[in-house]
Amino acid sequence: MTTTPTDDAASSSPGPDSAAAQDTVAELADAMTRAIKRIRRRTSERLEPYGITPGQGRALRTLAHAPGCELPDRAMRLGDLAERLHIAPRSATTVVDALEEAGLVERTPDPADRRAVRIVLTAAGHSAVERIGQVRHEVAQEYFGPISPADQDLLLRALRSAETAYAATTPPRRTAPPGAAR
């Protein structure tokens, strides 16, 4: 049997609707899910001695990277933290309660709105952010260190590209049902 150039192209690069392409994207999603679970589990184990969960770590990092985070009048509002973490405001309250109890953040009144609260990192909170950064780096190095820097760059570019495309075509997630008071 002879093949035409069209046959060769079709067999070597399946179209986006082919079974092979569907299997590849499904396998990619499965591999990413496994990687995320392993990284999260290892991060959780490493943060446990500090009494910090990965979710609390995300909140601390988000607060630490907010402009003016150390100034009470410019610190992030609780609702803004929930939005940036893509969680419900009630869940953000629970996270901040635990962080406040651990002495890592303080709630301060918002001078512009008596009903609002701003979240300020304490000195202990800043130290925790440094420890979290070290743990994240160590865990990432353990997981991704065995692959070449070039492959790491390629993977990062591919994931950024996928995220950009997804964000451009997907409506933002709602944190409250339509018509609910915010």
N, C-alpha and C. Protein backbone atom coordinates (compact mmCIF):
# COMPACT_ATOMS: atom_id res chain seq x y z
N MET A 1 0.84 -1.18 0.00
CA MET A 1 0.00 0.00 0.00
C MET A 1 0.89 1.24 0.00
N THR A 2 0.54 2.18 -0.83
CA THR A 2 1.28 3.43 -0.85
C THR A 2 0.48 4.49 -0.11
N THR A 3 1.21 5.42 0.44
CA THR A 3 0.53 6.49 1.16
C THR A 3 0.78 7.80 0.47
N THR A 4 -0.16 8.67 0.59
CA THR A 4 0.00 10.01 0.04
C THR A 4 0.52 10.92 1.13
N PRO A 5 1.09 12.06 0.77
CA PRO A 5 1.55 12.99 1.80
C PRO A 5 0.43 13.37 2.76
N THR A 6 -0.80 13.43 2.27
CA THR A 6 -1.92 13.78 3.14
C THR A 6 -2.14 12.69 4.17
N ASP A 7 -2.04 11.42 3.74
CA ASP A 7 -2.20 10.31 4.68
C ASP A 7 -1.14 10.35 5.77
N ASP A 8 0.11 10.63 5.38
CA ASP A 8 1.19 10.69 6.36
C ASP A 8 0.95 11.81 7.36
N ALA A 9 0.53 12.97 6.89
CA ALA A 9 0.28 14.10 7.80
C ALA A 9 -0.85 13.77 8.76
N ALA A 10 -1.88 13.12 8.25
CA ALA A 10 -3.03 12.80 9.11
C ALA A 10 -2.65 11.78 10.17
N SER A 11 -1.80 10.81 9.81
CA SER A 11 -1.47 9.79 10.80
C SER A 11 -0.43 10.27 11.81
N SER A 12 0.42 11.23 11.42
CA SER A 12 1.45 11.66 12.36
C SER A 12 1.01 12.78 13.27
N SER A 13 0.02 13.56 12.87
CA SER A 13 -0.46 14.63 13.75
C SER A 13 -1.97 14.62 13.77
N PRO A 14 -2.54 13.92 14.75
CA PRO A 14 -3.98 13.79 14.81
C PRO A 14 -4.64 15.15 15.03
N GLY A 15 -5.84 15.28 14.48
CA GLY A 15 -6.61 16.51 14.66
C GLY A 15 -7.11 16.61 16.08
N PRO A 16 -7.61 17.80 16.44
CA PRO A 16 -8.04 18.01 17.83
C PRO A 16 -9.22 17.14 18.24
N ASP A 17 -9.96 16.60 17.27
CA ASP A 17 -11.11 15.77 17.62
C ASP A 17 -10.82 14.29 17.55
N SER A 18 -9.61 13.91 17.19
CA SER A 18 -9.30 12.49 17.06
C SER A 18 -9.23 11.83 18.44
N ALA A 19 -9.37 10.51 18.42
CA ALA A 19 -9.31 9.75 19.68
C ALA A 19 -7.95 9.90 20.34
N ALA A 20 -6.88 9.92 19.52
CA ALA A 20 -5.54 10.05 20.08
C ALA A 20 -5.36 11.38 20.80
N ALA A 21 -5.86 12.45 20.19
CA ALA A 21 -5.76 13.78 20.82
C ALA A 21 -6.57 13.82 22.11
N GLN A 22 -7.76 13.21 22.09
CA GLN A 22 -8.59 13.18 23.29
C GLN A 22 -7.90 12.38 24.39
N ASP A 23 -7.28 11.27 24.03
CA ASP A 23 -6.55 10.47 25.01
C ASP A 23 -5.38 11.27 25.59
N THR A 24 -4.68 12.01 24.76
CA THR A 24 -3.53 12.79 25.21
C THR A 24 -3.96 13.88 26.19
N VAL A 25 -5.01 14.63 25.86
CA VAL A 25 -5.42 15.70 26.78
C VAL A 25 -5.96 15.13 28.08
N ALA A 26 -6.65 13.99 28.00
CA ALA A 26 -7.15 13.35 29.23
C ALA A 26 -5.97 12.85 30.07
N GLU A 27 -4.97 12.27 29.43
CA GLU A 27 -3.79 11.80 30.15
C GLU A 27 -3.03 12.98 30.76
N LEU A 28 -2.95 14.08 30.03
CA LEU A 28 -2.31 15.28 30.56
C LEU A 28 -3.04 15.78 31.80
N ALA A 29 -4.35 15.83 31.74
CA ALA A 29 -5.14 16.26 32.91
C ALA A 29 -4.92 15.32 34.09
N ASP A 30 -4.90 14.03 33.82
CA ASP A 30 -4.65 13.05 34.90
C ASP A 30 -3.25 13.23 35.50
N ALA A 31 -2.25 13.44 34.64
CA ALA A 31 -0.88 13.62 35.13
C ALA A 31 -0.77 14.89 35.97
N MET A 32 -1.45 15.95 35.55
CA MET A 32 -1.42 17.20 36.32
C MET A 32 -2.12 17.02 37.66
N THR A 33 -3.23 16.30 37.66
CA THR A 33 -3.96 16.06 38.91
C THR A 33 -3.07 15.29 39.89
N ARG A 34 -2.39 14.26 39.40
CA ARG A 34 -1.48 13.50 40.27
C ARG A 34 -0.36 14.39 40.80
N ALA A 35 0.22 15.20 39.92
CA ALA A 35 1.32 16.09 40.33
C ALA A 35 0.84 17.07 41.39
N ILE A 36 -0.31 17.67 41.17
CA ILE A 36 -0.84 18.65 42.13
C ILE A 36 -1.10 18.00 43.48
N LYS A 37 -1.69 16.80 43.46
CA LYS A 37 -1.96 16.10 44.72
C LYS A 37 -0.67 15.78 45.47
N ARG A 38 0.34 15.31 44.74
CA ARG A 38 1.60 14.97 45.38
C ARG A 38 2.29 16.20 45.94
N ILE A 39 2.31 17.27 45.17
CA ILE A 39 2.94 18.51 45.63
C ILE A 39 2.19 19.07 46.83
N ARG A 40 0.87 19.07 46.76
CA ARG A 40 0.07 19.59 47.88
C ARG A 40 0.27 18.74 49.14
N ARG A 41 0.26 17.42 48.98
CA ARG A 41 0.45 16.54 50.14
C ARG A 41 1.82 16.77 50.78
N ARG A 42 2.85 16.86 49.96
CA ARG A 42 4.21 17.06 50.48
C ARG A 42 4.33 18.44 51.15
N THR A 43 3.73 19.45 50.53
CA THR A 43 3.75 20.79 51.11
C THR A 43 3.03 20.79 52.45
N SER A 44 1.89 20.12 52.51
CA SER A 44 1.12 20.03 53.75
C SER A 44 1.95 19.36 54.85
N GLU A 45 2.64 18.27 54.51
CA GLU A 45 3.49 17.58 55.48
C GLU A 45 4.59 18.49 55.99
N ARG A 46 5.18 19.27 55.10
CA ARG A 46 6.29 20.14 55.47
C ARG A 46 5.84 21.36 56.27
N LEU A 47 4.59 21.81 56.07
CA LEU A 47 4.08 22.97 56.80
C LEU A 47 3.48 22.58 58.15
N GLU A 48 3.12 21.31 58.30
CA GLU A 48 2.46 20.85 59.52
C GLU A 48 3.21 21.23 60.81
N PRO A 49 4.54 21.08 60.86
CA PRO A 49 5.23 21.46 62.10
C PRO A 49 5.07 22.93 62.47
N TYR A 50 4.75 23.76 61.48
CA TYR A 50 4.55 25.19 61.73
C TYR A 50 3.10 25.52 62.03
N GLY A 51 2.22 24.52 61.96
CA GLY A 51 0.81 24.74 62.22
C GLY A 51 0.09 25.51 61.13
N ILE A 52 0.60 25.39 59.90
CA ILE A 52 0.02 26.12 58.77
C ILE A 52 -0.45 25.11 57.73
N THR A 53 -1.67 25.31 57.23
CA THR A 53 -2.18 24.48 56.14
C THR A 53 -1.80 25.13 54.81
N PRO A 54 -1.82 24.38 53.71
CA PRO A 54 -1.55 25.00 52.40
C PRO A 54 -2.51 26.16 52.09
N GLY A 55 -3.78 26.03 52.47
CA GLY A 55 -4.75 27.10 52.24
C GLY A 55 -4.40 28.35 53.02
N GLN A 56 -3.96 28.17 54.26
CA GLN A 56 -3.53 29.32 55.06
C GLN A 56 -2.26 29.93 54.47
N GLY A 57 -1.40 29.07 53.96
CA GLY A 57 -0.18 29.56 53.31
C GLY A 57 -0.49 30.41 52.10
N ARG A 58 -1.47 29.97 51.30
CA ARG A 58 -1.88 30.77 50.14
C ARG A 58 -2.40 32.13 50.59
N ALA A 59 -3.20 32.15 51.65
CA ALA A 59 -3.75 33.41 52.15
C ALA A 59 -2.62 34.32 52.63
N LEU A 60 -1.66 33.79 53.37
CA LEU A 60 -0.55 34.60 53.85
C LEU A 60 0.27 35.16 52.70
N ARG A 61 0.55 34.33 51.69
CA ARG A 61 1.32 34.80 50.53
C ARG A 61 0.55 35.89 49.79
N THR A 62 -0.76 35.72 49.65
CA THR A 62 -1.59 36.72 48.97
C THR A 62 -1.55 38.04 49.73
N LEU A 63 -1.68 37.96 51.03
CA LEU A 63 -1.62 39.18 51.85
C LEU A 63 -0.25 39.84 51.76
N ALA A 64 0.80 39.03 51.80
CA ALA A 64 2.16 39.56 51.79
C ALA A 64 2.49 40.26 50.48
N HIS A 65 1.87 39.85 49.39
CA HIS A 65 2.18 40.44 48.09
C HIS A 65 1.23 41.56 47.71
N ALA A 66 0.32 41.92 48.59
CA ALA A 66 -0.59 43.03 48.32
C ALA A 66 0.15 44.35 48.56
N PRO A 67 -0.01 45.32 47.66
CA PRO A 67 0.66 46.60 47.87
C PRO A 67 0.23 47.24 49.19
N GLY A 68 1.19 47.69 49.97
CA GLY A 68 0.89 48.36 51.23
C GLY A 68 0.40 47.42 52.31
N CYS A 69 0.72 46.14 52.21
CA CYS A 69 0.17 45.14 53.14
C CYS A 69 0.54 45.40 54.60
N GLU A 70 1.62 46.13 54.83
CA GLU A 70 2.01 46.36 56.23
C GLU A 70 1.39 47.61 56.83
N LEU A 71 0.63 48.36 56.03
CA LEU A 71 -0.02 49.57 56.51
C LEU A 71 -1.50 49.30 56.73
N PRO A 72 -2.00 49.49 57.95
CA PRO A 72 -3.40 49.16 58.25
C PRO A 72 -4.41 49.83 57.31
N ASP A 73 -4.14 51.07 56.89
CA ASP A 73 -5.12 51.75 56.05
C ASP A 73 -5.03 51.34 54.58
N ARG A 74 -4.00 50.56 54.22
CA ARG A 74 -3.86 50.09 52.84
C ARG A 74 -3.90 48.57 52.74
N ALA A 75 -4.02 47.90 53.86
CA ALA A 75 -4.03 46.44 53.87
C ALA A 75 -5.27 45.93 53.15
N MET A 76 -5.25 44.67 52.78
CA MET A 76 -6.33 44.06 52.01
C MET A 76 -7.57 43.84 52.87
N ARG A 77 -8.71 44.07 52.26
CA ARG A 77 -9.98 43.78 52.92
C ARG A 77 -10.24 42.29 52.85
N LEU A 78 -11.03 41.82 53.79
CA LEU A 78 -11.38 40.40 53.85
C LEU A 78 -12.06 39.94 52.56
N GLY A 79 -12.98 40.74 52.05
CA GLY A 79 -13.68 40.39 50.80
C GLY A 79 -12.73 40.31 49.61
N ASP A 80 -11.74 41.20 49.57
CA ASP A 80 -10.75 41.17 48.48
C ASP A 80 -9.89 39.92 48.57
N LEU A 81 -9.56 39.53 49.80
CA LEU A 81 -8.78 38.30 49.98
C LEU A 81 -9.57 37.10 49.46
N ALA A 82 -10.85 37.02 49.80
CA ALA A 82 -11.69 35.92 49.33
C ALA A 82 -11.72 35.90 47.80
N GLU A 83 -11.85 37.05 47.21
CA GLU A 83 -11.90 37.13 45.74
C GLU A 83 -10.60 36.66 45.11
N ARG A 84 -9.48 37.10 45.66
CA ARG A 84 -8.18 36.70 45.11
C ARG A 84 -7.89 35.22 45.30
N LEU A 85 -8.42 34.65 46.38
CA LEU A 85 -8.21 33.23 46.63
C LEU A 85 -9.24 32.37 45.92
N HIS A 86 -10.25 33.01 45.30
CA HIS A 86 -11.34 32.31 44.63
C HIS A 86 -12.09 31.40 45.59
N ILE A 87 -12.39 31.96 46.77
CA ILE A 87 -13.17 31.22 47.77
C ILE A 87 -14.30 32.12 48.26
N ALA A 88 -15.28 31.52 48.90
CA ALA A 88 -16.41 32.27 49.44
C ALA A 88 -15.93 33.15 50.59
N PRO A 89 -16.55 34.31 50.77
CA PRO A 89 -16.15 35.18 51.88
C PRO A 89 -16.19 34.48 53.24
N ARG A 90 -17.17 33.60 53.45
CA ARG A 90 -17.24 32.87 54.72
C ARG A 90 -16.02 31.97 54.91
N SER A 91 -15.56 31.37 53.83
CA SER A 91 -14.35 30.53 53.92
C SER A 91 -13.13 31.38 54.23
N ALA A 92 -13.06 32.57 53.66
CA ALA A 92 -11.94 33.47 53.94
C ALA A 92 -11.96 33.87 55.42
N THR A 93 -13.16 34.07 55.95
CA THR A 93 -13.27 34.41 57.37
C THR A 93 -12.70 33.29 58.23
N THR A 94 -13.01 32.05 57.89
CA THR A 94 -12.50 30.90 58.63
C THR A 94 -10.97 30.84 58.57
N VAL A 95 -10.42 31.07 57.39
CA VAL A 95 -8.96 31.05 57.23
C VAL A 95 -8.32 32.16 58.06
N VAL A 96 -8.88 33.36 57.98
CA VAL A 96 -8.32 34.49 58.73
C VAL A 96 -8.48 34.29 60.23
N ASP A 97 -9.59 33.68 60.67
CA ASP A 97 -9.77 33.36 62.09
C ASP A 97 -8.59 32.52 62.59
N ALA A 98 -8.25 31.48 61.83
CA ALA A 98 -7.15 30.59 62.24
C ALA A 98 -5.81 31.32 62.22
N LEU A 99 -5.60 32.15 61.21
CA LEU A 99 -4.35 32.90 61.14
C LEU A 99 -4.23 33.92 62.27
N GLU A 100 -5.36 34.54 62.61
CA GLU A 100 -5.36 35.50 63.71
C GLU A 100 -5.11 34.79 65.03
N GLU A 101 -5.72 33.64 65.22
CA GLU A 101 -5.53 32.86 66.45
C GLU A 101 -4.06 32.45 66.60
N ALA A 102 -3.40 32.19 65.46
CA ALA A 102 -1.99 31.81 65.49
C ALA A 102 -1.06 33.02 65.61
N GLY A 103 -1.62 34.22 65.59
CA GLY A 103 -0.81 35.42 65.73
C GLY A 103 -0.11 35.84 64.44
N LEU A 104 -0.59 35.36 63.31
CA LEU A 104 0.06 35.66 62.03
C LEU A 104 -0.54 36.86 61.31
N VAL A 105 -1.78 37.20 61.65
CA VAL A 105 -2.44 38.38 61.09
C VAL A 105 -3.22 39.09 62.19
N GLU A 106 -3.55 40.34 61.91
CA GLU A 106 -4.43 41.10 62.80
C GLU A 106 -5.52 41.72 61.94
N ARG A 107 -6.71 41.77 62.49
CA ARG A 107 -7.80 42.48 61.84
C ARG A 107 -7.77 43.93 62.31
N THR A 108 -7.92 44.85 61.38
CA THR A 108 -8.00 46.26 61.74
C THR A 108 -9.22 46.85 61.05
N PRO A 109 -9.87 47.82 61.68
CA PRO A 109 -11.03 48.44 61.04
C PRO A 109 -10.59 49.21 59.80
N ASP A 110 -11.44 49.22 58.80
CA ASP A 110 -11.18 49.98 57.59
C ASP A 110 -11.60 51.42 57.84
N PRO A 111 -10.69 52.37 57.76
CA PRO A 111 -11.05 53.76 58.04
C PRO A 111 -12.09 54.32 57.06
N ALA A 112 -12.18 53.75 55.87
CA ALA A 112 -13.12 54.25 54.87
C ALA A 112 -14.50 53.63 54.99
N ASP A 113 -14.61 52.50 55.71
CA ASP A 113 -15.89 51.79 55.80
C ASP A 113 -15.93 51.04 57.14
N ARG A 114 -16.76 51.52 58.06
CA ARG A 114 -16.81 50.92 59.40
C ARG A 114 -17.17 49.44 59.37
N ARG A 115 -17.93 49.03 58.36
CA ARG A 115 -18.36 47.62 58.30
C ARG A 115 -17.26 46.69 57.82
N ALA A 116 -16.26 47.24 57.13
CA ALA A 116 -15.21 46.43 56.52
C ALA A 116 -14.03 46.25 57.48
N VAL A 117 -13.32 45.17 57.26
CA VAL A 117 -12.14 44.84 58.05
C VAL A 117 -10.96 44.66 57.10
N ARG A 118 -9.82 45.14 57.52
CA ARG A 118 -8.59 44.94 56.75
C ARG A 118 -7.70 43.95 57.52
N ILE A 119 -6.91 43.20 56.77
CA ILE A 119 -6.07 42.16 57.35
C ILE A 119 -4.61 42.58 57.21
N VAL A 120 -3.90 42.63 58.34
CA VAL A 120 -2.50 43.05 58.37
C VAL A 120 -1.64 41.88 58.85
N LEU A 121 -0.55 41.61 58.13
CA LEU A 121 0.40 40.59 58.58
C LEU A 121 1.16 41.11 59.80
N THR A 122 1.35 40.24 60.77
CA THR A 122 2.18 40.56 61.93
C THR A 122 3.63 40.19 61.59
N ALA A 123 4.53 40.50 62.50
CA ALA A 123 5.93 40.10 62.30
C ALA A 123 6.03 38.58 62.17
N ALA A 124 5.25 37.87 62.99
CA ALA A 124 5.23 36.40 62.90
C ALA A 124 4.67 35.95 61.55
N GLY A 125 3.72 36.70 61.04
CA GLY A 125 3.15 36.40 59.73
C GLY A 125 4.18 36.54 58.62
N HIS A 126 4.98 37.60 58.71
CA HIS A 126 6.05 37.79 57.72
C HIS A 126 7.06 36.65 57.79
N SER A 127 7.40 36.23 59.00
CA SER A 127 8.33 35.09 59.16
C SER A 127 7.74 33.82 58.58
N ALA A 128 6.43 33.63 58.79
CA ALA A 128 5.76 32.44 58.25
C ALA A 128 5.78 32.46 56.73
N VAL A 129 5.62 33.63 56.13
CA VAL A 129 5.66 33.74 54.66
C VAL A 129 7.03 33.31 54.15
N GLU A 130 8.09 33.68 54.86
CA GLU A 130 9.44 33.25 54.47
C GLU A 130 9.58 31.74 54.55
N ARG A 131 9.10 31.14 55.65
CA ARG A 131 9.17 29.67 55.80
C ARG A 131 8.37 28.98 54.70
N ILE A 132 7.19 29.50 54.41
CA ILE A 132 6.34 28.93 53.37
C ILE A 132 7.07 28.97 52.03
N GLY A 133 7.72 30.08 51.76
CA GLY A 133 8.48 30.21 50.51
C GLY A 133 9.58 29.16 50.41
N GLN A 134 10.27 28.93 51.52
CA GLN A 134 11.33 27.92 51.54
C GLN A 134 10.75 26.53 51.30
N VAL A 135 9.64 26.22 51.97
CA VAL A 135 8.99 24.91 51.80
C VAL A 135 8.53 24.73 50.35
N ARG A 136 7.89 25.74 49.81
CA ARG A 136 7.40 25.65 48.42
C ARG A 136 8.56 25.40 47.46
N HIS A 137 9.67 26.10 47.67
CA HIS A 137 10.83 25.92 46.80
C HIS A 137 11.39 24.50 46.94
N GLU A 138 11.53 24.02 48.17
CA GLU A 138 12.07 22.67 48.40
C GLU A 138 11.19 21.61 47.74
N VAL A 139 9.88 21.72 47.94
CA VAL A 139 8.97 20.72 47.37
C VAL A 139 8.99 20.77 45.84
N ALA A 140 8.98 21.98 45.29
CA ALA A 140 9.03 22.12 43.83
C ALA A 140 10.33 21.55 43.28
N GLN A 141 11.42 21.80 43.99
CA GLN A 141 12.72 21.27 43.55
C GLN A 141 12.72 19.74 43.59
N GLU A 142 12.15 19.16 44.63
CA GLU A 142 12.08 17.70 44.71
C GLU A 142 11.28 17.12 43.55
N TYR A 143 10.17 17.77 43.21
CA TYR A 143 9.30 17.22 42.18
C TYR A 143 9.83 17.52 40.77
N PHE A 144 10.22 18.76 40.51
CA PHE A 144 10.60 19.15 39.15
C PHE A 144 12.11 19.15 38.92
N GLY A 145 12.91 19.03 39.98
CA GLY A 145 14.35 19.03 39.84
C GLY A 145 14.91 17.99 38.88
N PRO A 146 14.34 16.78 38.85
CA PRO A 146 14.89 15.76 37.94
C PRO A 146 14.71 16.08 36.45
N ILE A 147 13.84 17.00 36.08
CA ILE A 147 13.70 17.32 34.66
C ILE A 147 14.58 18.53 34.33
N SER A 148 15.01 18.58 33.11
CA SER A 148 15.97 19.62 32.70
C SER A 148 15.36 21.02 32.82
N PRO A 149 16.22 22.02 33.02
CA PRO A 149 15.72 23.41 33.06
C PRO A 149 14.96 23.78 31.78
N ALA A 150 15.40 23.27 30.64
CA ALA A 150 14.70 23.56 29.38
C ALA A 150 13.29 22.97 29.40
N ASP A 151 13.15 21.75 29.90
CA ASP A 151 11.82 21.15 30.00
C ASP A 151 10.96 21.86 31.04
N GLN A 152 11.58 22.32 32.12
CA GLN A 152 10.83 23.10 33.12
C GLN A 152 10.28 24.38 32.48
N ASP A 153 11.13 25.07 31.70
CA ASP A 153 10.68 26.29 31.02
C ASP A 153 9.56 25.99 30.03
N LEU A 154 9.70 24.92 29.28
CA LEU A 154 8.68 24.53 28.31
C LEU A 154 7.35 24.22 29.00
N LEU A 155 7.41 23.47 30.08
CA LEU A 155 6.20 23.13 30.83
C LEU A 155 5.54 24.39 31.39
N LEU A 156 6.33 25.29 31.94
CA LEU A 156 5.79 26.53 32.49
C LEU A 156 5.14 27.37 31.40
N ARG A 157 5.80 27.50 30.26
CA ARG A 157 5.21 28.26 29.15
C ARG A 157 3.91 27.63 28.68
N ALA A 158 3.87 26.31 28.58
CA ALA A 158 2.66 25.62 28.12
C ALA A 158 1.51 25.83 29.11
N LEU A 159 1.79 25.72 30.40
CA LEU A 159 0.74 25.91 31.41
C LEU A 159 0.27 27.36 31.43
N ARG A 160 1.17 28.31 31.30
CA ARG A 160 0.77 29.72 31.24
C ARG A 160 -0.11 29.98 30.02
N SER A 161 0.27 29.41 28.91
CA SER A 161 -0.52 29.57 27.68
C SER A 161 -1.91 28.97 27.83
N ALA A 162 -1.98 27.78 28.40
CA ALA A 162 -3.28 27.13 28.63
C ALA A 162 -4.13 27.96 29.58
N GLU A 163 -3.52 28.49 30.64
CA GLU A 163 -4.26 29.30 31.61
C GLU A 163 -4.78 30.58 30.97
N THR A 164 -3.97 31.23 30.16
CA THR A 164 -4.39 32.46 29.48
C THR A 164 -5.56 32.18 28.55
N ALA A 165 -5.46 31.11 27.77
CA ALA A 165 -6.54 30.75 26.85
C ALA A 165 -7.81 30.39 27.61
N TYR A 166 -7.67 29.65 28.68
CA TYR A 166 -8.83 29.25 29.48
C TYR A 166 -9.51 30.48 30.09
N ALA A 167 -8.70 31.35 30.67
CA ALA A 167 -9.24 32.56 31.31
C ALA A 167 -9.95 33.46 30.31
N ALA A 168 -9.46 33.48 29.07
CA ALA A 168 -10.07 34.33 28.05
C ALA A 168 -11.41 33.80 27.56
N THR A 169 -11.64 32.51 27.71
CA THR A 169 -12.87 31.92 27.18
C THR A 169 -13.85 31.45 28.25
N THR A 170 -13.46 31.57 29.51
CA THR A 170 -14.30 31.07 30.60
C THR A 170 -14.80 32.24 31.44
N PRO A 171 -16.11 32.31 31.69
CA PRO A 171 -16.60 33.40 32.53
C PRO A 171 -16.05 33.27 33.94
N PRO A 172 -15.88 34.42 34.64
CA PRO A 172 -15.37 34.35 36.02
C PRO A 172 -16.30 33.56 36.91
N ARG A 173 -15.71 32.90 37.88
CA ARG A 173 -16.47 32.09 38.84
C ARG A 173 -17.18 33.01 39.82
N ARG A 174 -18.41 32.69 40.11
CA ARG A 174 -19.17 33.47 41.09
C ARG A 174 -18.92 32.89 42.48
N THR A 175 -18.71 33.78 43.43
CA THR A 175 -18.51 33.32 44.81
C THR A 175 -19.81 33.33 45.60
N ALA A 176 -20.84 33.95 45.04
CA ALA A 176 -22.14 33.99 45.72
C ALA A 176 -23.22 33.74 44.66
N PRO A 177 -24.33 33.11 45.04
CA PRO A 177 -25.39 32.88 44.07
C PRO A 177 -25.99 34.21 43.61
N PRO A 178 -26.52 34.24 42.38
CA PRO A 178 -27.12 35.46 41.88
C PRO A 178 -28.19 35.97 42.87
N GLY A 179 -28.17 37.27 43.10
CA GLY A 179 -29.17 37.87 43.97
C GLY A 179 -28.82 37.83 45.45
N ALA A 180 -27.75 37.13 45.82
CA ALA A 180 -27.38 37.07 47.25
C ALA A 180 -26.68 38.36 47.64
N ALA A 181 -26.89 38.77 48.86
CA ALA A 181 -26.23 39.99 49.37
C ALA A 181 -24.77 39.72 49.53
N ARG A 182 -23.96 40.71 49.22
CA ARG A 182 -22.50 40.56 49.37
C ARG A 182 -22.01 41.31 50.53
